[in-house]
Amino acid sequence: MSLLCVKYFLRKARIGLILNETTWKIADDLMFSSNDIEVNIPVSLYKNKAMETPIVDQNTNTANETAGDSNDNTNNKGGYIPGVCNIGPLEIKKRRDGIFAVVAFLVIVIVLLELLHANKLWRFIIILPALSLGIGFQQWYFKFCVGFGFKGLFNFGDLGKTYTVEQKEDAKLDRLRAATIIMTSVFFAVIASLVYYYI
């Protein structure tokens, strides 16, 4: 009886061993065959999402569609800063050339007054070119056009093209800066004419 039991258990153990070997073989085949499977993932699933990340405006609590859209308004304004800068390189060069012209005109006026031995009161005539020189110099130095400031305009592109300042607060700052340039230029012109009169 015991001999029959031993044979019975040995037979079961052998069948289990065969089943285990078969299971491992099937699993091994599946593992190696999986390396040959080509997985096709749609391009749209792994597309770079960083370009489409919405930007949330903290003030309005709204989101733009793409990151590039947030810079459109800034690019249109160029380097415009209210009350500080309202003209670009071409406009600045134009005012620099104007300074040379005014200086040349001022020198000619002074030379003529000296050659003609004109009355000293005529020396006050230089107040006009001196005023123009003061305005032109400040426009070039500060990169700010007085005319644009009073009209609420700015330009950072080609000559002849202007853009309107949309915000009333910005336009107010521009008018204030333009008035400041005018007043300081008047002061400079008066001082320059007085100096020329008394020398």
C-alpha atoms as a PDB file:
ATOM      1  CA  MET A   1       0.000   0.000   0.000  1.00  0.00           C
ATOM      2  CA  SER A   2       2.759   2.400   0.918  1.00  0.00           C
ATOM      3  CA  LEU A   3       4.531   1.538  -2.317  1.00  0.00           C
ATOM      4  CA  LEU A   4       1.439   2.495  -4.305  1.00  0.00           C
ATOM      5  CA  CYS A   5       1.204   5.819  -2.447  1.00  0.00           C
ATOM      6  CA  VAL A   6       4.838   6.626  -3.230  1.00  0.00           C
ATOM      7  CA  LYS A   7       4.299   5.880  -6.918  1.00  0.00           C
ATOM      8  CA  TYR A   8       1.178   8.007  -6.898  1.00  0.00           C
ATOM      9  CA  PHE A   9       2.930  11.045  -5.434  1.00  0.00           C
ATOM     10  CA  LEU A  10       5.912  10.645  -7.746  1.00  0.00           C
ATOM     11  CA  ARG A  11       3.589  10.603 -10.739  1.00  0.00           C
ATOM     12  CA  LYS A  12       1.867  13.804  -9.504  1.00  0.00           C
ATOM     13  CA  ALA A  13       5.178  15.517  -8.930  1.00  0.00           C
ATOM     14  CA  ARG A  14       6.341  14.609 -12.432  1.00  0.00           C
ATOM     15  CA  ILE A  15       3.136  15.931 -13.992  1.00  0.00           C
ATOM     16  CA  GLY A  16       3.502  19.191 -11.994  1.00  0.00           C
ATOM     17  CA  LEU A  17       7.116  19.572 -13.086  1.00  0.00           C
ATOM     18  CA  ILE A  18       6.139  19.092 -16.719  1.00  0.00           C
ATOM     19  CA  LEU A  19       3.362  21.662 -16.368  1.00  0.00           C
ATOM     20  CA  ASN A  20       5.694  24.187 -14.744  1.00  0.00           C
ATOM     21  CA  GLU A  21       8.303  23.731 -17.469  1.00  0.00           C
ATOM     22  CA  THR A  22       5.605  24.176 -20.113  1.00  0.00           C
ATOM     23  CA  THR A  23       4.305  27.344 -18.404  1.00  0.00           C
ATOM     24  CA  TRP A  24       7.755  28.884 -18.176  1.00  0.00           C
ATOM     25  CA  LYS A  25       8.455  28.025 -21.800  1.00  0.00           C
ATOM     26  CA  ILE A  26       5.220  29.706 -22.942  1.00  0.00           C
ATOM     27  CA  ALA A  27       5.987  32.794 -20.862  1.00  0.00           C
ATOM     28  CA  ASP A  28       9.520  32.897 -22.204  1.00  0.00           C
ATOM     29  CA  ASP A  29       8.259  32.701 -25.782  1.00  0.00           C
ATOM     30  CA  LEU A  30       5.817  35.519 -25.153  1.00  0.00           C
ATOM     31  CA  MET A  31       8.554  37.682 -23.659  1.00  0.00           C
ATOM     32  CA  PHE A  32      10.913  37.275 -26.603  1.00  0.00           C
ATOM     33  CA  SER A  33       8.176  37.659 -29.189  1.00  0.00           C
ATOM     34  CA  SER A  34       7.029  40.915 -27.633  1.00  0.00           C
ATOM     35  CA  ASN A  35      10.310  42.545 -28.659  1.00  0.00           C
ATOM     36  CA  ASP A  36       9.374  42.069 -32.278  1.00  0.00           C
ATOM     37  CA  ILE A  37       6.051  43.857 -31.930  1.00  0.00           C
ATOM     38  CA  GLU A  38       6.104  47.352 -33.430  1.00  0.00           C
ATOM     39  CA  VAL A  39       4.093  49.833 -31.428  1.00  0.00           C
ATOM     40  CA  ASN A  40       2.769  52.723 -33.486  1.00  0.00           C
ATOM     41  CA  ILE A  41       1.895  55.778 -31.395  1.00  0.00           C
ATOM     42  CA  PRO A  42       0.127  58.651 -33.165  1.00  0.00           C
ATOM     43  CA  VAL A  43       2.304  61.733 -33.537  1.00  0.00           C
ATOM     44  CA  SER A  44      -0.406  63.877 -31.998  1.00  0.00           C
ATOM     45  CA  LEU A  45      -0.067  61.981 -28.690  1.00  0.00           C
ATOM     46  CA  TYR A  46       3.588  62.760 -28.122  1.00  0.00           C
ATOM     47  CA  LYS A  47       3.645  66.195 -29.753  1.00  0.00           C
ATOM     48  CA  ASN A  48       5.482  68.814 -27.787  1.00  0.00           C
ATOM     49  CA  LYS A  49       2.801  70.304 -25.618  1.00  0.00           C
ATOM     50  CA  ALA A  50       5.025  73.116 -24.352  1.00  0.00           C
ATOM     51  CA  MET A  51       4.188  75.192 -27.421  1.00  0.00           C
ATOM     52  CA  GLU A  52       0.493  74.932 -26.685  1.00  0.00           C
ATOM     53  CA  THR A  53       0.634  75.615 -22.956  1.00  0.00           C
ATOM     54  CA  PRO A  54      -1.896  78.345 -22.152  1.00  0.00           C
ATOM     55  CA  ILE A  55      -0.690  81.430 -20.319  1.00  0.00           C
ATOM     56  CA  VAL A  56      -2.990  82.658 -17.594  1.00  0.00           C
ATOM     57  CA  ASP A  57      -3.391  86.379 -17.143  1.00  0.00           C
ATOM     58  CA  GLN A  58      -3.342  87.033 -13.414  1.00  0.00           C
ATOM     59  CA  ASN A  59      -5.377  90.228 -13.757  1.00  0.00           C
ATOM     60  CA  THR A  60      -8.228  88.934 -15.903  1.00  0.00           C
ATOM     61  CA  ASN A  61      -7.920  85.255 -14.918  1.00  0.00           C
ATOM     62  CA  THR A  62      -8.111  84.277 -18.588  1.00  0.00           C
ATOM     63  CA  ALA A  63      -5.854  82.085 -20.689  1.00  0.00           C
ATOM     64  CA  ASN A  64      -4.332  82.634 -24.116  1.00  0.00           C
ATOM     65  CA  GLU A  65      -4.212  79.799 -26.627  1.00  0.00           C
ATOM     66  CA  THR A  66      -0.478  79.843 -27.175  1.00  0.00           C
ATOM     67  CA  ALA A  67       2.575  81.424 -25.629  1.00  0.00           C
ATOM     68  CA  GLY A  68       3.326  83.425 -28.767  1.00  0.00           C
ATOM     69  CA  ASP A  69       0.044  85.318 -28.610  1.00  0.00           C
ATOM     70  CA  SER A  70       1.000  87.054 -25.381  1.00  0.00           C
ATOM     71  CA  ASN A  71       3.761  89.049 -27.062  1.00  0.00           C
ATOM     72  CA  ASP A  72       1.749  90.481 -29.981  1.00  0.00           C
ATOM     73  CA  ASN A  73       0.874  93.774 -28.312  1.00  0.00           C
ATOM     74  CA  THR A  74       4.388  94.221 -26.973  1.00  0.00           C
ATOM     75  CA  ASN A  75       5.954  93.672 -30.399  1.00  0.00           C
ATOM     76  CA  ASN A  76       3.616  96.235 -31.974  1.00  0.00           C
ATOM     77  CA  LYS A  77       4.775  98.887 -29.497  1.00  0.00           C
ATOM     78  CA  GLY A  78       8.456  98.265 -30.034  1.00  0.00           C
ATOM     79  CA  GLY A  79      10.400 100.066 -27.301  1.00  0.00           C
ATOM     80  CA  TYR A  80       7.668 102.541 -26.407  1.00  0.00           C
ATOM     81  CA  ILE A  81       7.742 103.623 -22.751  1.00  0.00           C
ATOM     82  CA  PRO A  82       5.115 106.189 -21.684  1.00  0.00           C
ATOM     83  CA  GLY A  83       6.675 109.510 -20.786  1.00  0.00           C
ATOM     84  CA  VAL A  84      10.186 108.192 -21.471  1.00  0.00           C
ATOM     85  CA  CYS A  85      10.683 106.989 -25.056  1.00  0.00           C
ATOM     86  CA  ASN A  86       8.400 107.248 -28.092  1.00  0.00           C
ATOM     87  CA  ILE A  87      10.718 107.125 -31.134  1.00  0.00           C
ATOM     88  CA  GLY A  88      12.952 104.485 -32.690  1.00  0.00           C
ATOM     89  CA  PRO A  89      16.396 104.545 -34.347  1.00  0.00           C
ATOM     90  CA  LEU A  90      15.338 106.214 -37.621  1.00  0.00           C
ATOM     91  CA  GLU A  91      13.432 108.979 -35.847  1.00  0.00           C
ATOM     92  CA  ILE A  92      16.352 109.502 -33.478  1.00  0.00           C
ATOM     93  CA  LYS A  93      18.783 109.825 -36.401  1.00  0.00           C
ATOM     94  CA  LYS A  94      16.471 112.381 -37.981  1.00  0.00           C
ATOM     95  CA  ARG A  95      16.590 114.552 -34.860  1.00  0.00           C
ATOM     96  CA  ARG A  96      20.364 114.172 -34.606  1.00  0.00           C
ATOM     97  CA  ASP A  97      20.734 115.470 -38.146  1.00  0.00           C
ATOM     98  CA  GLY A  98      18.430 118.338 -37.195  1.00  0.00           C
ATOM     99  CA  ILE A  99      20.790 119.293 -34.368  1.00  0.00           C
ATOM    100  CA  PHE A 100      23.688 119.708 -36.813  1.00  0.00           C
ATOM    101  CA  ALA A 101      21.536 121.890 -39.050  1.00  0.00           C
ATOM    102  CA  VAL A 102      20.441 124.134 -36.165  1.00  0.00           C
ATOM    103  CA  VAL A 103      24.005 124.494 -34.882  1.00  0.00           C
ATOM    104  CA  ALA A 104      25.178 125.504 -38.355  1.00  0.00           C
ATOM    105  CA  PHE A 105      22.352 128.070 -38.622  1.00  0.00           C
ATOM    106  CA  LEU A 106      23.147 129.478 -35.156  1.00  0.00           C
ATOM    107  CA  VAL A 107      26.826 129.893 -36.022  1.00  0.00           C
ATOM    108  CA  ILE A 108      25.909 131.709 -39.263  1.00  0.00           C
ATOM    109  CA  VAL A 109      23.612 134.118 -37.387  1.00  0.00           C
ATOM    110  CA  ILE A 110      26.287 134.950 -34.821  1.00  0.00           C
ATOM    111  CA  VAL A 111      28.941 135.475 -37.528  1.00  0.00           C
ATOM    112  CA  LEU A 112      26.635 137.822 -39.456  1.00  0.00           C
ATOM    113  CA  LEU A 113      25.828 139.852 -36.338  1.00  0.00           C
ATOM    114  CA  GLU A 114      29.523 140.254 -35.624  1.00  0.00           C
ATOM    115  CA  LEU A 115      30.471 141.125 -39.183  1.00  0.00           C
ATOM    116  CA  LEU A 116      27.678 143.715 -39.495  1.00  0.00           C
ATOM    117  CA  HIS A 117      28.408 145.183 -36.076  1.00  0.00           C
ATOM    118  CA  ALA A 118      24.697 145.069 -35.374  1.00  0.00           C
ATOM    119  CA  ASN A 119      23.140 146.612 -32.307  1.00  0.00           C
ATOM    120  CA  LYS A 120      23.537 144.444 -29.246  1.00  0.00           C
ATOM    121  CA  LEU A 121      19.760 144.108 -28.983  1.00  0.00           C
ATOM    122  CA  TRP A 122      19.877 142.058 -32.153  1.00  0.00           C
ATOM    123  CA  ARG A 123      21.790 139.425 -30.244  1.00  0.00           C
ATOM    124  CA  PHE A 124      18.562 138.318 -28.638  1.00  0.00           C
ATOM    125  CA  ILE A 125      17.548 136.953 -32.022  1.00  0.00           C
ATOM    126  CA  ILE A 126      19.562 133.838 -31.270  1.00  0.00           C
ATOM    127  CA  ILE A 127      16.866 132.846 -28.774  1.00  0.00           C
ATOM    128  CA  LEU A 128      14.933 131.192 -31.616  1.00  0.00           C
ATOM    129  CA  PRO A 129      17.692 128.904 -32.946  1.00  0.00           C
ATOM    130  CA  ALA A 130      18.813 128.274 -29.352  1.00  0.00           C
ATOM    131  CA  LEU A 131      15.266 127.158 -28.496  1.00  0.00           C
ATOM    132  CA  SER A 132      15.226 124.858 -31.504  1.00  0.00           C
ATOM    133  CA  LEU A 133      18.635 123.491 -30.504  1.00  0.00           C
ATOM    134  CA  GLY A 134      17.486 122.787 -26.968  1.00  0.00           C
ATOM    135  CA  ILE A 135      14.395 120.921 -28.153  1.00  0.00           C
ATOM    136  CA  GLY A 136      16.266 118.970 -30.809  1.00  0.00           C
ATOM    137  CA  PHE A 137      19.052 117.962 -28.446  1.00  0.00           C
ATOM    138  CA  GLN A 138      16.644 116.689 -25.794  1.00  0.00           C
ATOM    139  CA  GLN A 139      14.610 114.807 -28.375  1.00  0.00           C
ATOM    140  CA  TRP A 140      17.754 113.068 -29.572  1.00  0.00           C
ATOM    141  CA  TYR A 141      19.211 112.475 -26.110  1.00  0.00           C
ATOM    142  CA  PHE A 142      16.033 111.258 -24.424  1.00  0.00           C
ATOM    143  CA  LYS A 143      14.654 109.495 -27.537  1.00  0.00           C
ATOM    144  CA  PHE A 144      11.402 111.357 -27.122  1.00  0.00           C
ATOM    145  CA  CYS A 145       9.620 113.456 -29.764  1.00  0.00           C
ATOM    146  CA  VAL A 146       7.800 116.542 -28.445  1.00  0.00           C
ATOM    147  CA  GLY A 147       5.341 116.622 -31.346  1.00  0.00           C
ATOM    148  CA  PHE A 148       4.472 112.957 -30.929  1.00  0.00           C
ATOM    149  CA  GLY A 149       4.112 113.481 -27.203  1.00  0.00           C
ATOM    150  CA  PHE A 150       1.497 116.224 -27.576  1.00  0.00           C
ATOM    151  CA  LYS A 151      -0.379 114.288 -30.267  1.00  0.00           C
ATOM    152  CA  GLY A 152      -0.304 110.940 -28.461  1.00  0.00           C
ATOM    153  CA  LEU A 153       1.758 109.153 -31.109  1.00  0.00           C
ATOM    154  CA  PHE A 154       4.877 106.997 -31.286  1.00  0.00           C
ATOM    155  CA  ASN A 155       6.982 105.415 -34.037  1.00  0.00           C
ATOM    156  CA  PHE A 156       9.675 102.735 -33.959  1.00  0.00           C
ATOM    157  CA  GLY A 157       9.526 101.821 -37.626  1.00  0.00           C
ATOM    158  CA  ASP A 158       9.979 103.624 -40.919  1.00  0.00           C
ATOM    159  CA  LEU A 159       9.825 107.397 -41.113  1.00  0.00           C
ATOM    160  CA  GLY A 160       6.356 108.753 -41.754  1.00  0.00           C
ATOM    161  CA  LYS A 161       4.548 105.950 -39.958  1.00  0.00           C
ATOM    162  CA  THR A 162       2.989 106.676 -36.584  1.00  0.00           C
ATOM    163  CA  TYR A 163       0.939 104.702 -34.095  1.00  0.00           C
ATOM    164  CA  THR A 164      -1.578 106.025 -31.621  1.00  0.00           C
ATOM    165  CA  VAL A 165      -1.138 105.712 -27.877  1.00  0.00           C
ATOM    166  CA  GLU A 166      -4.239 103.837 -26.720  1.00  0.00           C
ATOM    167  CA  GLN A 167      -4.100 104.331 -22.959  1.00  0.00           C
ATOM    168  CA  LYS A 168      -5.126 107.786 -21.680  1.00  0.00           C
ATOM    169  CA  GLU A 169      -2.700 107.530 -18.774  1.00  0.00           C
ATOM    170  CA  ASP A 170       0.186 106.893 -21.179  1.00  0.00           C
ATOM    171  CA  ALA A 171      -0.820 109.830 -23.376  1.00  0.00           C
ATOM    172  CA  LYS A 172      -0.960 112.059 -20.304  1.00  0.00           C
ATOM    173  CA  LEU A 173       2.586 111.058 -19.329  1.00  0.00           C
ATOM    174  CA  ASP A 174       3.762 111.808 -22.878  1.00  0.00           C
ATOM    175  CA  ARG A 175       2.200 115.312 -22.822  1.00  0.00           C
ATOM    176  CA  LEU A 176       3.818 116.013 -19.461  1.00  0.00           C
ATOM    177  CA  ARG A 177       7.228 114.966 -20.752  1.00  0.00           C
ATOM    178  CA  ALA A 178       6.802 117.036 -23.917  1.00  0.00           C
ATOM    179  CA  ALA A 179       5.870 120.114 -21.854  1.00  0.00           C
ATOM    180  CA  THR A 180       8.930 119.563 -19.654  1.00  0.00           C
ATOM    181  CA  ILE A 181      11.211 119.486 -22.694  1.00  0.00           C
ATOM    182  CA  ILE A 182       9.672 122.711 -23.993  1.00  0.00           C
ATOM    183  CA  MET A 183      10.111 124.522 -20.670  1.00  0.00           C
ATOM    184  CA  THR A 184      13.715 123.438 -20.195  1.00  0.00           C
ATOM    185  CA  SER A 185      14.496 124.415 -23.787  1.00  0.00           C
ATOM    186  CA  VAL A 186      12.993 127.879 -23.238  1.00  0.00           C
ATOM    187  CA  PHE A 187      15.131 128.281 -20.137  1.00  0.00           C
ATOM    188  CA  PHE A 188      18.232 127.232 -22.089  1.00  0.00           C
ATOM    189  CA  ALA A 189      17.439 129.644 -24.935  1.00  0.00           C
ATOM    190  CA  VAL A 190      16.956 132.589 -22.572  1.00  0.00           C
ATOM    191  CA  ILE A 191      20.207 131.870 -20.743  1.00  0.00           C
ATOM    192  CA  ALA A 192      22.116 131.447 -24.007  1.00  0.00           C
ATOM    193  CA  SER A 193      20.804 134.769 -25.429  1.00  0.00           C
ATOM    194  CA  LEU A 194      21.576 136.623 -22.193  1.00  0.00           C
ATOM    195  CA  VAL A 195      25.100 135.257 -22.146  1.00  0.00           C
ATOM    196  CA  TYR A 196      25.649 136.293 -25.756  1.00  0.00           C
ATOM    197  CA  TYR A 197      24.210 139.749 -25.052  1.00  0.00           C
ATOM    198  CA  TYR A 198      26.555 140.487 -22.146  1.00  0.00           C
ATOM    199  CA  ILE A 199      29.793 139.114 -23.563  1.00  0.00           C
END
